N, C-alpha and C. Protein backbone atom coordinates (compact mmCIF):
# COMPACT_ATOMS: atom_id res chain seq x y z
N UNK A 1 117.18 96.09 79.95
CA UNK A 1 117.04 95.74 81.44
C UNK A 1 116.60 96.16 81.94
N UNK A 2 115.63 96.04 82.70
CA UNK A 2 114.91 96.94 83.49
C UNK A 2 115.84 97.72 84.65
N UNK A 3 115.72 99.14 84.67
CA UNK A 3 116.35 99.26 86.30
C UNK A 3 116.32 98.67 87.29
N UNK A 4 117.09 98.44 88.26
CA UNK A 4 116.49 97.74 90.13
C UNK A 4 115.97 98.94 90.27
N UNK A 5 115.09 99.51 90.56
CA UNK A 5 114.62 100.45 92.20
C UNK A 5 115.26 100.99 92.96
N UNK A 6 115.92 102.43 92.96
CA UNK A 6 116.64 102.43 94.29
C UNK A 6 116.14 102.29 95.86
N UNK A 7 116.60 102.65 96.73
CA UNK A 7 116.43 101.67 97.90
C UNK A 7 116.49 103.20 98.70
N UNK A 8 115.56 103.87 99.39
CA UNK A 8 115.69 104.39 101.09
C UNK A 8 115.62 104.24 101.78
N UNK A 9 115.86 104.07 102.76
CA UNK A 9 115.86 103.22 104.64
C UNK A 9 115.03 104.36 105.49
N UNK A 10 113.71 104.61 106.13
CA UNK A 10 113.95 104.69 107.30
C UNK A 10 114.24 104.60 108.30
N UNK A 11 115.16 105.13 109.26
CA UNK A 11 115.58 104.49 110.84
C UNK A 11 115.98 105.46 111.59
N UNK A 12 115.47 104.93 112.31
CA UNK A 12 115.31 105.15 114.14
C UNK A 12 115.12 104.43 115.59
N UNK A 13 115.13 104.73 116.16
CA UNK A 13 114.79 104.24 117.27
C UNK A 13 112.81 103.50 117.58
N UNK A 14 112.83 102.55 118.27
CA UNK A 14 111.08 102.42 118.36
C UNK A 14 110.20 103.78 118.68
N UNK A 15 109.06 104.08 118.55
CA UNK A 15 108.66 105.44 119.14
C UNK A 15 108.88 106.22 118.67
N UNK A 16 109.89 106.32 117.31
CA UNK A 16 110.29 107.59 117.24
C UNK A 16 109.16 109.26 115.80
N UNK A 17 108.28 107.71 115.33
CA UNK A 17 107.31 108.39 114.00
C UNK A 17 107.71 107.96 113.01
N UNK A 18 108.28 106.97 112.95
CA UNK A 18 108.99 106.33 112.15
C UNK A 18 107.68 105.88 110.39
N UNK A 19 107.25 105.46 110.67
CA UNK A 19 105.63 104.74 110.02
C UNK A 19 104.86 105.56 109.92
N UNK A 20 104.54 107.04 110.91
CA UNK A 20 104.11 107.85 110.28
C UNK A 20 104.46 108.48 109.37
N UNK A 21 105.55 109.30 109.74
CA UNK A 21 106.27 110.14 108.29
C UNK A 21 106.75 109.08 107.07
N UNK A 22 106.56 107.60 107.01
CA UNK A 22 107.28 107.44 105.76
C UNK A 22 105.19 107.58 104.87
N UNK A 23 103.80 107.09 105.64
CA UNK A 23 102.87 107.60 105.48
C UNK A 23 102.85 108.81 104.51
N UNK A 24 103.58 109.53 105.25
CA UNK A 24 103.56 111.30 104.67
C UNK A 24 104.62 111.12 103.66
N UNK A 25 105.13 110.51 103.53
CA UNK A 25 105.90 110.73 102.41
C UNK A 25 105.81 109.87 101.04
N UNK A 26 105.29 108.63 101.31
CA UNK A 26 104.54 107.94 100.21
C UNK A 26 103.75 108.77 99.85
N UNK A 27 102.55 109.77 100.62
CA UNK A 27 101.42 110.74 99.88
C UNK A 27 101.87 111.30 99.15
N UNK A 28 103.08 112.55 99.73
CA UNK A 28 103.35 113.11 98.87
C UNK A 28 104.49 112.79 97.37
N UNK A 29 104.98 111.76 97.78
CA UNK A 29 105.57 111.15 96.71
C UNK A 29 104.96 111.09 95.81
N UNK A 30 104.26 110.38 95.88
CA UNK A 30 103.04 109.87 95.13
C UNK A 30 101.84 111.46 94.11
N UNK A 31 101.21 112.36 95.25
CA UNK A 31 101.02 113.76 94.46
C UNK A 31 102.15 113.63 93.36
N UNK A 32 103.55 113.74 93.30
CA UNK A 32 104.57 114.06 92.22
C UNK A 32 104.78 112.69 91.37
N UNK A 33 103.44 112.18 91.31
CA UNK A 33 104.01 111.25 90.61
C UNK A 33 105.20 110.04 90.44
N UNK A 34 105.13 110.13 91.08
CA UNK A 34 106.12 108.59 91.97
C UNK A 34 105.36 107.29 92.62
N UNK A 35 106.04 106.27 91.58
CA UNK A 35 105.19 104.93 92.28
C UNK A 35 106.74 104.83 93.46
N UNK A 36 106.39 104.50 94.48
CA UNK A 36 106.24 104.29 95.92
C UNK A 36 105.89 102.65 96.25
N UNK A 37 107.46 101.74 96.28
CA UNK A 37 106.90 100.37 97.11
C UNK A 37 107.56 100.76 98.77
N UNK A 38 107.27 100.03 99.67
CA UNK A 38 108.01 99.58 100.67
C UNK A 38 107.95 98.10 101.11
N UNK A 39 108.90 98.38 101.72
CA UNK A 39 109.88 97.05 103.04
C UNK A 39 109.83 97.76 103.98
N UNK A 40 109.27 96.62 105.56
CA UNK A 40 108.53 96.54 106.79
C UNK A 40 109.98 95.38 107.26
N UNK A 41 111.30 95.79 107.94
CA UNK A 41 111.90 95.16 108.58
C UNK A 41 111.82 93.92 109.90
N UNK A 42 111.14 93.06 109.79
CA UNK A 42 110.37 92.82 110.99
C UNK A 42 111.30 91.46 111.57
N UNK A 43 111.91 91.63 112.71
CA UNK A 43 113.16 90.38 113.40
C UNK A 43 112.64 90.22 113.91
N UNK A 44 110.88 89.58 113.51
CA UNK A 44 110.37 88.72 115.45
C UNK A 44 109.97 87.36 113.99
N UNK A 45 109.72 87.96 112.43
CA UNK A 45 108.38 86.87 111.64
C UNK A 45 107.17 87.81 112.22
N UNK A 46 106.31 86.55 111.44
CA UNK A 46 105.15 87.63 110.51
C UNK A 46 104.25 87.13 110.33
N UNK A 47 102.44 87.45 110.76
CA UNK A 47 101.51 86.17 109.64
C UNK A 47 100.76 87.45 108.97
N UNK A 48 100.89 86.84 107.61
CA UNK A 48 99.28 87.92 106.81
C UNK A 48 98.82 87.04 106.62
N UNK A 49 98.17 86.10 106.32
CA UNK A 49 97.05 85.09 106.12
C UNK A 49 96.13 85.22 106.84
N UNK A 50 95.20 85.04 106.82
CA UNK A 50 93.67 84.20 107.91
C UNK A 50 93.55 82.49 107.73
N UNK A 51 92.84 82.81 109.56
CA UNK A 51 93.44 81.26 109.29
C UNK A 51 91.85 80.87 108.54
N UNK A 52 91.98 80.09 108.18
CA UNK A 52 90.64 79.91 107.92
C UNK A 52 90.27 80.36 105.81
N UNK A 53 90.84 80.63 105.66
CA UNK A 53 90.65 81.47 104.63
C UNK A 53 91.71 79.94 103.54
N UNK A 54 91.37 80.01 101.88
CA UNK A 54 92.01 78.58 101.20
C UNK A 54 93.48 79.14 101.37
N UNK A 55 93.68 80.35 100.99
CA UNK A 55 95.48 80.46 100.56
C UNK A 55 96.07 79.88 102.22
N UNK A 56 95.71 80.33 103.24
CA UNK A 56 96.07 79.46 104.21
C UNK A 56 96.20 77.96 105.01
N UNK A 57 95.30 77.63 104.27
CA UNK A 57 94.52 75.89 103.36
C UNK A 57 95.45 75.57 103.46
N UNK A 58 96.24 76.46 102.28
CA UNK A 58 96.95 75.43 101.16
C UNK A 58 98.38 75.67 101.98
N UNK A 59 98.58 76.86 102.77
CA UNK A 59 99.94 76.58 103.41
C UNK A 59 100.03 75.80 104.64
N UNK A 60 99.19 76.09 104.70
CA UNK A 60 99.17 74.97 106.42
C UNK A 60 99.11 72.93 105.59
N UNK A 61 99.03 73.35 104.18
CA UNK A 61 99.17 71.02 104.24
C UNK A 61 100.56 72.01 103.91
N UNK A 62 101.00 72.11 103.90
CA UNK A 62 102.32 72.16 103.00
C UNK A 62 103.02 72.99 101.58
N UNK A 63 101.93 73.89 101.18
CA UNK A 63 102.72 74.42 99.90
C UNK A 63 103.68 75.65 101.10
N UNK A 64 104.68 75.34 100.37
CA UNK A 64 105.88 76.74 100.67
C UNK A 64 105.55 77.62 99.79
N UNK A 65 104.82 78.12 99.46
CA UNK A 65 104.96 79.34 98.30
C UNK A 65 103.41 79.19 98.02
N UNK A 66 102.53 80.16 98.37
CA UNK A 66 101.45 80.23 97.96
C UNK A 66 101.35 81.74 97.48
N UNK A 67 100.02 81.71 96.72
CA UNK A 67 99.96 83.11 95.99
C UNK A 67 98.35 83.31 95.43
N UNK A 68 98.64 84.48 95.55
CA UNK A 68 96.81 84.87 95.12
C UNK A 68 96.89 85.99 94.40
N UNK A 69 96.34 86.02 93.26
CA UNK A 69 96.05 87.41 92.12
C UNK A 69 95.06 87.27 91.46
N UNK A 70 94.27 88.55 91.93
CA UNK A 70 92.76 88.91 91.33
C UNK A 70 93.69 90.03 89.71
N UNK A 71 92.37 90.88 88.62
CA UNK A 71 92.73 91.61 88.55
C UNK A 71 93.61 93.37 88.38
N UNK A 72 93.52 92.88 89.79
CA UNK A 72 93.66 94.66 90.57
C UNK A 72 95.10 94.83 91.42
N UNK A 73 95.81 92.98 92.35
CA UNK A 73 96.79 92.98 92.83
C UNK A 73 97.09 91.92 92.54
N UNK A 74 98.59 91.32 92.90
CA UNK A 74 99.24 90.32 93.63
C UNK A 74 99.92 90.19 95.12
N UNK A 75 100.03 89.01 95.34
CA UNK A 75 100.57 88.47 96.99
C UNK A 75 101.02 87.31 96.57
N UNK A 76 102.45 87.51 97.28
CA UNK A 76 102.58 86.46 96.89
C UNK A 76 103.65 86.13 98.93
N UNK A 77 103.64 84.56 99.54
CA UNK A 77 104.55 84.12 100.80
C UNK A 77 104.52 83.23 100.41
N UNK A 78 105.69 83.39 100.86
CA UNK A 78 107.02 82.07 100.29
C UNK A 78 107.83 81.81 102.21
N UNK A 79 108.00 80.52 102.17
CA UNK A 79 108.31 80.42 103.65
C UNK A 79 110.53 80.52 102.36
N UNK A 80 110.91 80.75 103.13
CA UNK A 80 112.84 80.85 103.40
C UNK A 80 113.60 80.36 103.74
N UNK A 81 114.78 80.02 103.46
CA UNK A 81 115.81 79.42 104.66
C UNK A 81 116.84 80.57 104.97
N UNK A 82 116.40 81.31 104.66
CA UNK A 82 117.00 82.68 105.82
C UNK A 82 116.42 83.73 104.98
N UNK A 83 116.87 85.17 105.90
CA UNK A 83 116.71 86.51 105.58
C UNK A 83 116.70 86.56 104.35
N UNK A 84 116.37 86.92 103.31
CA UNK A 84 115.84 87.66 101.82
C UNK A 84 117.06 89.27 102.25
N UNK A 85 117.63 89.61 101.73
CA UNK A 85 118.22 90.59 101.63
C UNK A 85 117.46 92.23 100.92
N UNK A 86 117.70 92.98 101.13
CA UNK A 86 116.48 94.02 101.55
C UNK A 86 117.01 93.94 99.09
N UNK A 87 118.07 94.26 99.56
CA UNK A 87 117.56 94.10 97.02
C UNK A 87 117.25 92.83 96.54
N UNK A 88 117.61 91.82 97.46
CA UNK A 88 116.41 90.99 96.73
C UNK A 88 115.05 90.78 96.84
N UNK A 89 114.50 91.39 98.23
CA UNK A 89 113.38 91.66 98.28
C UNK A 89 112.65 92.90 96.95
N UNK A 90 113.84 93.43 96.64
CA UNK A 90 113.31 95.05 95.73
C UNK A 90 113.26 94.12 94.28
N UNK A 91 113.98 93.45 94.30
CA UNK A 91 114.22 92.33 92.70
C UNK A 91 112.28 92.59 92.52
N UNK A 92 112.02 91.89 93.84
CA UNK A 92 110.26 91.47 93.74
C UNK A 92 109.59 92.36 92.70
N UNK A 93 109.87 93.11 92.86
CA UNK A 93 109.23 95.23 92.90
C UNK A 93 109.88 95.99 91.34
N UNK A 94 108.75 95.64 90.47
CA UNK A 94 109.11 95.88 88.98
C UNK A 94 108.38 96.85 88.92
N UNK A 95 107.49 96.72 89.70
CA UNK A 95 105.96 98.21 88.76
C UNK A 95 106.47 99.82 89.93
N UNK A 96 107.92 100.26 90.86
CA UNK A 96 108.05 101.30 91.51
C UNK A 96 109.36 101.73 91.12
N UNK A 97 108.75 102.83 91.27
CA UNK A 97 110.32 104.13 90.80
C UNK A 97 110.63 104.03 92.51
N UNK A 98 110.86 104.06 93.24
CA UNK A 98 111.37 103.77 94.23
C UNK A 98 111.19 103.29 95.61
N UNK A 99 111.55 102.26 96.30
CA UNK A 99 111.61 101.73 97.65
C UNK A 99 111.27 102.03 98.87
N UNK A 100 110.72 102.39 99.92
CA UNK A 100 111.74 102.57 101.05
C UNK A 100 111.13 101.51 102.12
N UNK A 101 112.17 101.86 102.75
CA UNK A 101 112.52 100.58 103.95
C UNK A 101 111.97 101.37 105.63
N UNK A 102 111.70 100.76 106.03
CA UNK A 102 110.94 100.72 107.58
C UNK A 102 111.87 100.74 108.22
N UNK A 103 113.63 100.94 108.83
CA UNK A 103 114.10 99.40 109.34
C UNK A 103 115.11 99.21 108.50
N UNK A 104 115.97 98.78 108.63
CA UNK A 104 117.46 98.13 108.27
C UNK A 104 118.86 98.73 108.43
N UNK A 105 118.27 99.47 109.94
CA UNK A 105 119.52 100.41 110.16
C UNK A 105 121.02 99.72 110.04
N UNK A 106 121.11 98.48 109.54
CA UNK A 106 122.49 98.25 109.66
C UNK A 106 123.39 98.14 108.24
N UNK A 107 122.08 97.90 107.51
CA UNK A 107 122.13 97.46 106.09
C UNK A 107 122.75 98.73 105.17
N UNK A 108 123.40 98.86 104.17
CA UNK A 108 124.54 99.31 103.69
C UNK A 108 123.63 100.85 102.53
N UNK A 109 122.21 100.78 103.26
CA UNK A 109 121.41 101.96 101.57
C UNK A 109 121.33 103.54 102.30
N UNK A 110 121.33 104.43 101.80
CA UNK A 110 121.34 105.61 102.42
C UNK A 110 120.03 105.02 103.25
N UNK A 111 120.05 106.79 104.50
CA UNK A 111 119.05 106.56 105.39
C UNK A 111 118.34 108.06 105.49
N UNK A 112 117.51 107.95 105.81
CA UNK A 112 117.02 109.43 106.61
C UNK A 112 117.16 107.98 108.57
N UNK A 113 117.27 109.35 109.31
CA UNK A 113 116.85 108.90 110.50
C UNK A 113 115.85 109.71 111.29
N UNK A 114 114.63 109.94 111.65
CA UNK A 114 113.63 109.43 112.37
C UNK A 114 114.13 109.90 113.86
N UNK A 115 113.98 111.07 114.62
CA UNK A 115 114.56 111.37 115.89
C UNK A 115 112.46 111.86 116.54
N UNK A 116 112.91 111.49 117.92
CA UNK A 116 111.58 112.42 118.98
C UNK A 116 112.41 112.96 120.18
N UNK A 117 111.54 113.72 120.75
CA UNK A 117 112.16 115.13 121.79
C UNK A 117 112.66 114.11 123.22
N UNK A 118 111.73 112.51 123.33
CA UNK A 118 112.54 111.62 124.32
C UNK A 118 113.88 110.93 123.98
N UNK A 119 114.28 110.99 122.80
CA UNK A 119 115.57 110.94 122.23
C UNK A 119 116.56 111.49 122.73
N UNK A 120 116.56 112.96 123.22
CA UNK A 120 117.08 114.16 123.24
C UNK A 120 118.88 114.01 121.91
N UNK A 121 117.43 114.22 121.10
CA UNK A 121 118.84 114.63 119.96
C UNK A 121 119.93 113.44 120.03
N UNK A 122 119.61 112.17 120.22
CA UNK A 122 120.86 111.86 120.08
C UNK A 122 120.82 110.40 118.71
N UNK A 123 121.39 110.55 118.12
CA UNK A 123 121.30 109.62 116.74
C UNK A 123 122.43 108.17 117.41
N UNK A 124 121.40 107.50 116.05
CA UNK A 124 121.69 106.24 115.88
C UNK A 124 122.35 105.49 115.05
N UNK A 125 122.53 106.50 113.99
CA UNK A 125 123.60 106.57 112.82
C UNK A 125 125.07 107.88 112.78
N UNK A 126 125.73 106.64 112.84
CA UNK A 126 127.43 107.43 112.62
C UNK A 126 127.89 107.76 111.46
N UNK A 127 129.06 108.49 111.26
CA UNK A 127 129.49 108.78 109.89
C UNK A 127 129.98 107.77 108.85
N UNK A 128 129.28 105.98 108.92
CA UNK A 128 129.78 105.77 108.03
C UNK A 128 128.29 104.59 107.77
N UNK A 129 127.47 105.85 107.77
CA UNK A 129 126.05 104.62 108.11
C UNK A 129 125.32 105.26 106.68
N UNK A 130 126.04 105.98 105.55
CA UNK A 130 125.11 106.56 104.71
C UNK A 130 123.75 107.49 105.45
N UNK A 131 124.31 108.51 106.47
CA UNK A 131 122.76 109.27 106.09
C UNK A 131 122.53 110.47 105.48
N UNK A 132 122.06 110.54 104.85
CA UNK A 132 121.40 111.29 104.19
C UNK A 132 120.64 112.83 104.70
N UNK A 133 120.00 112.45 105.59
CA UNK A 133 119.41 113.83 106.58
C UNK A 133 118.97 113.38 107.71
N UNK A 134 118.58 114.22 108.92
CA UNK A 134 117.34 113.99 110.11
C UNK A 134 116.33 114.31 109.67
N UNK A 135 115.24 113.21 109.73
CA UNK A 135 114.55 113.60 110.64
C UNK A 135 113.75 114.27 111.67
N UNK A 136 113.41 115.22 112.30
CA UNK A 136 113.08 115.39 113.92
C UNK A 136 112.23 116.59 114.51
N UNK A 137 111.83 115.53 115.37
CA UNK A 137 110.95 116.13 115.84
C UNK A 137 111.17 117.46 116.38
N UNK A 138 112.22 117.54 117.17
CA UNK A 138 112.70 118.74 117.82
C UNK A 138 113.82 119.34 116.98
N UNK A 139 114.52 119.42 116.20
CA UNK A 139 115.52 119.53 115.61
C UNK A 139 116.38 120.85 116.80
N UNK A 140 116.08 121.87 116.97
CA UNK A 140 117.12 121.87 118.13
C UNK A 140 117.78 121.36 118.83
N UNK A 141 117.53 120.45 119.43
CA UNK A 141 118.25 119.35 120.06
C UNK A 141 119.55 118.15 119.62
N UNK A 142 118.79 117.74 118.08
CA UNK A 142 119.87 117.50 117.54
C UNK A 142 121.08 118.68 117.14
N UNK A 143 121.11 119.80 117.00
CA UNK A 143 121.65 120.55 116.75
C UNK A 143 122.83 120.69 118.31
N UNK A 144 122.38 120.17 119.18
CA UNK A 144 122.52 120.87 120.79
C UNK A 144 123.95 120.01 121.19
N UNK A 145 122.86 118.40 120.84
CA UNK A 145 123.19 117.25 120.32
C UNK A 145 124.52 117.24 119.90
N UNK A 146 125.22 117.50 118.93
CA UNK A 146 126.11 117.57 117.76
C UNK A 146 127.03 118.46 118.24
N UNK A 147 126.78 119.76 119.26
CA UNK A 147 127.37 120.70 119.78
C UNK A 147 128.14 122.31 118.43
N UNK A 148 126.86 122.63 117.56
CA UNK A 148 126.71 123.57 116.86
C UNK A 148 125.83 124.09 117.23
N UNK A 149 124.61 125.55 116.86
CA UNK A 149 124.12 126.26 116.63
C UNK A 149 123.30 126.06 116.03
N UNK A 150 121.63 126.21 116.54
CA UNK A 150 120.88 125.71 116.07
C UNK A 150 120.51 126.85 114.88
N UNK A 151 120.50 126.63 113.77
CA UNK A 151 120.75 127.01 112.68
C UNK A 151 119.28 126.15 112.02
N UNK A 152 119.01 127.13 111.19
CA UNK A 152 117.59 126.83 110.42
C UNK A 152 117.59 125.49 109.84
N UNK A 153 116.51 124.30 110.58
CA UNK A 153 115.83 122.81 109.61
C UNK A 153 116.35 122.32 108.44
N UNK A 154 116.03 124.08 107.51
CA UNK A 154 116.40 123.50 106.34
C UNK A 154 117.36 123.54 105.53
N UNK A 155 118.26 124.14 106.25
CA UNK A 155 119.22 123.78 105.18
C UNK A 155 121.05 123.06 105.80
N UNK A 156 121.59 122.63 105.00
CA UNK A 156 122.84 121.96 105.95
C UNK A 156 123.20 122.71 107.14
N UNK A 157 123.70 121.45 108.56
CA UNK A 157 124.44 121.93 109.59
C UNK A 157 125.48 122.56 109.23
N UNK A 158 126.60 123.22 109.90
CA UNK A 158 128.03 123.00 109.76
C UNK A 158 128.17 121.79 110.50
N UNK A 159 129.75 121.35 109.95
CA UNK A 159 130.44 120.19 110.63
C UNK A 159 130.42 120.37 112.52
N UNK A 160 130.43 119.21 113.08
CA UNK A 160 129.93 117.89 112.41
C UNK A 160 129.31 117.14 112.22
N UNK A 161 127.69 118.50 111.76
CA UNK A 161 126.84 117.36 111.78
C UNK A 161 126.49 117.94 109.72
N UNK A 162 126.77 117.36 109.37
CA UNK A 162 127.19 117.73 107.50
C UNK A 162 126.01 117.21 107.40
N UNK A 163 124.95 116.90 107.95
CA UNK A 163 123.71 116.35 106.53
C UNK A 163 122.46 117.51 107.25
N UNK A 164 121.96 117.90 106.59
CA UNK A 164 120.79 119.08 106.86
C UNK A 164 119.05 118.04 107.51
N UNK A 165 119.58 118.39 109.20
CA UNK A 165 117.88 118.42 109.21
C UNK A 165 116.32 118.71 109.22
N UNK A 166 115.76 118.28 109.32
CA UNK A 166 114.38 118.68 109.07
C UNK A 166 112.61 118.66 110.42
N UNK A 167 112.67 118.97 110.23
CA UNK A 167 111.15 118.83 111.30
C UNK A 167 110.75 117.53 110.53
N UNK A 168 109.99 116.80 111.60
CA UNK A 168 109.49 115.56 110.86
C UNK A 168 108.28 115.74 110.60
N UNK A 169 107.31 116.34 111.14
CA UNK A 169 106.43 116.40 110.31
C UNK A 169 106.32 117.19 108.91
N UNK A 170 107.15 117.69 108.33
CA UNK A 170 107.48 118.64 107.00
C UNK A 170 108.19 117.84 105.71
N UNK A 171 106.59 117.15 105.47
CA UNK A 171 106.89 115.92 104.27
C UNK A 171 106.53 116.48 103.62
N UNK A 172 106.54 117.73 102.90
CA UNK A 172 107.13 118.98 102.27
C UNK A 172 108.47 118.93 101.27
N UNK A 173 109.43 119.51 102.52
CA UNK A 173 110.76 119.93 102.60
C UNK A 173 111.84 118.83 102.61
N UNK A 174 110.88 118.06 103.36
CA UNK A 174 111.71 116.48 103.36
C UNK A 174 111.62 115.38 101.73
N UNK A 175 110.37 115.91 100.84
CA UNK A 175 110.27 115.27 99.29
C UNK A 175 111.04 115.61 98.88
N UNK A 176 111.46 117.40 99.00
CA UNK A 176 111.88 118.44 97.89
C UNK A 176 113.02 117.62 98.35
N UNK A 177 113.68 117.38 99.40
CA UNK A 177 114.83 117.50 98.92
C UNK A 177 115.66 115.97 99.12
N UNK A 178 114.38 115.05 99.18
CA UNK A 178 114.88 113.12 98.37
C UNK A 178 115.10 113.86 96.49
N UNK A 179 113.50 114.90 96.21
CA UNK A 179 113.59 114.84 94.90
C UNK A 179 115.17 115.57 94.58
N UNK A 180 115.17 116.74 95.19
CA UNK A 180 116.59 117.89 94.58
C UNK A 180 117.51 116.67 94.65
N UNK A 181 117.73 115.75 95.48
CA UNK A 181 119.09 115.09 95.57
C UNK A 181 119.23 114.15 94.89
N UNK A 182 118.20 113.03 94.87
CA UNK A 182 118.16 111.68 94.61
C UNK A 182 117.01 111.15 93.38
N UNK A 183 116.65 112.80 93.16
CA UNK A 183 115.49 112.03 91.88
C UNK A 183 115.52 112.40 90.97
N UNK A 184 116.29 113.57 90.39
CA UNK A 184 116.21 114.87 89.59
C UNK A 184 116.72 113.86 88.45
N UNK A 185 118.28 113.68 88.69
CA UNK A 185 119.22 113.18 87.87
C UNK A 185 119.16 111.93 87.51
N UNK A 186 118.17 111.10 87.79
CA UNK A 186 118.05 109.82 87.37
C UNK A 186 116.61 109.69 86.65
N UNK A 187 115.59 110.80 86.91
CA UNK A 187 114.82 110.90 86.20
C UNK A 187 115.37 111.24 84.26
N UNK A 188 116.49 112.03 84.21
CA UNK A 188 116.83 111.99 83.09
C UNK A 188 117.33 111.26 82.52
N UNK A 189 118.11 110.10 83.46
CA UNK A 189 118.53 109.21 82.77
C UNK A 189 117.50 108.08 82.64
N UNK A 190 116.63 107.89 83.22
CA UNK A 190 116.01 106.71 82.76
C UNK A 190 114.86 107.06 81.40
N UNK A 191 115.34 108.11 81.40
CA UNK A 191 114.13 108.73 80.23
C UNK A 191 115.42 108.78 78.87
N UNK A 192 116.65 108.19 79.28
CA UNK A 192 117.62 108.37 78.33
C UNK A 192 117.24 106.90 77.76
N UNK A 193 117.16 106.11 78.72
CA UNK A 193 117.91 104.73 78.78
C UNK A 193 115.39 103.49 78.55
N UNK A 194 115.10 104.59 77.79
CA UNK A 194 113.74 104.07 77.66
C UNK A 194 113.36 104.17 78.79
N UNK A 195 113.21 104.01 79.58
CA UNK A 195 112.62 104.08 80.91
C UNK A 195 111.56 104.77 81.37
N UNK A 196 111.00 104.78 82.61
CA UNK A 196 109.67 105.63 83.04
C UNK A 196 109.97 107.43 83.54
N UNK A 197 109.32 108.12 83.10
CA UNK A 197 109.58 109.65 83.02
C UNK A 197 110.18 109.98 84.49
N UNK A 198 109.40 109.17 85.42
CA UNK A 198 109.58 109.37 86.93
C UNK A 198 110.79 108.01 87.34
N UNK A 199 111.04 108.81 88.35
CA UNK A 199 112.61 107.09 89.14
C UNK A 199 113.88 108.34 89.56
N UNK A 200 114.16 107.53 90.64
CA UNK A 200 115.55 107.66 90.81
C UNK A 200 116.46 106.42 90.92
N UNK A 201 118.00 107.22 91.30
CA UNK A 201 118.73 106.42 90.83
C UNK A 201 119.74 106.70 92.05
N UNK A 202 120.13 106.39 93.38
CA UNK A 202 120.83 106.91 94.88
C UNK A 202 122.24 106.70 94.23
N UNK A 203 122.93 106.03 93.69
CA UNK A 203 124.03 105.70 92.70
C UNK A 203 124.93 105.40 93.66
N UNK A 204 124.89 105.28 95.04
CA UNK A 204 126.14 105.23 95.64
C UNK A 204 126.14 106.82 96.29
N UNK A 205 125.63 107.86 95.88
CA UNK A 205 126.03 109.06 96.03
C UNK A 205 125.15 109.49 97.29
N UNK A 206 125.55 111.39 97.70
CA UNK A 206 125.42 111.12 98.77
C UNK A 206 125.93 111.49 99.57
N UNK A 207 125.83 112.14 101.44
CA UNK A 207 126.73 112.17 101.83
C UNK A 207 126.93 110.63 102.95
N UNK A 208 128.50 110.51 103.10
CA UNK A 208 128.33 108.97 103.66
C UNK A 208 128.73 109.04 104.68
C-alpha cells in the first residue's frame, strides 16, 4: 500500500513572506532530490479556468468535474459540497514525497511559522499547534518577544521558546532542518517498504 505523502504547513500573518519562502524551499528540496507538492488554502473561493476555453464551457454547461490531460500533466477541477481537508487533498497527490501547504494554521499538522519585522516577533502559533520552527525576517525580535537572550538563529532556543528560529531567507538552513528532523528516518522506512529512496514521514513527531 503506498505511503501517504507527509504534510508540512507554512503559516503566518498576511504579507510575511510565506509564498516567497515556499518557492525557495521547493527549489532547494528539489535540488536535493525530493518531489514536492503544494496546497494553497483559499477561504474566499477561486477560479483557475479561463472564460471561452473548452473546459470552462464544459463547467458552464453543468459538469461537476472537469479534467484536462496531456502527456506531461493532468488537472482536475471539481465542485464540492464541503471544503476538503488537507488529508483528502493530499490523497490526490500520489507522485510526491512531501506536501507543503500555505495556510491551514488551524489544522493539526506540523508547522513552520513565518514572521516579518512588522509583526514585532509576535507568533500566532501556541504551544499546542505542532510548531516545528520559526522563519523570521528578524530572529532577534522573536527571541526578545519571548523574553530570552538573542541566541544564534540556527540553534534551538531555550525555554520558553522551545523551537529553533531561522532567518527567513536562509532556505538552505531550513531545508537542512527539515531534512534532519523529518526526512531522513522516513527515507530508510520507504526503502524498507520498497518505496522511493527519497521521502519523509512526520508521524506525529517533532515538538508539540
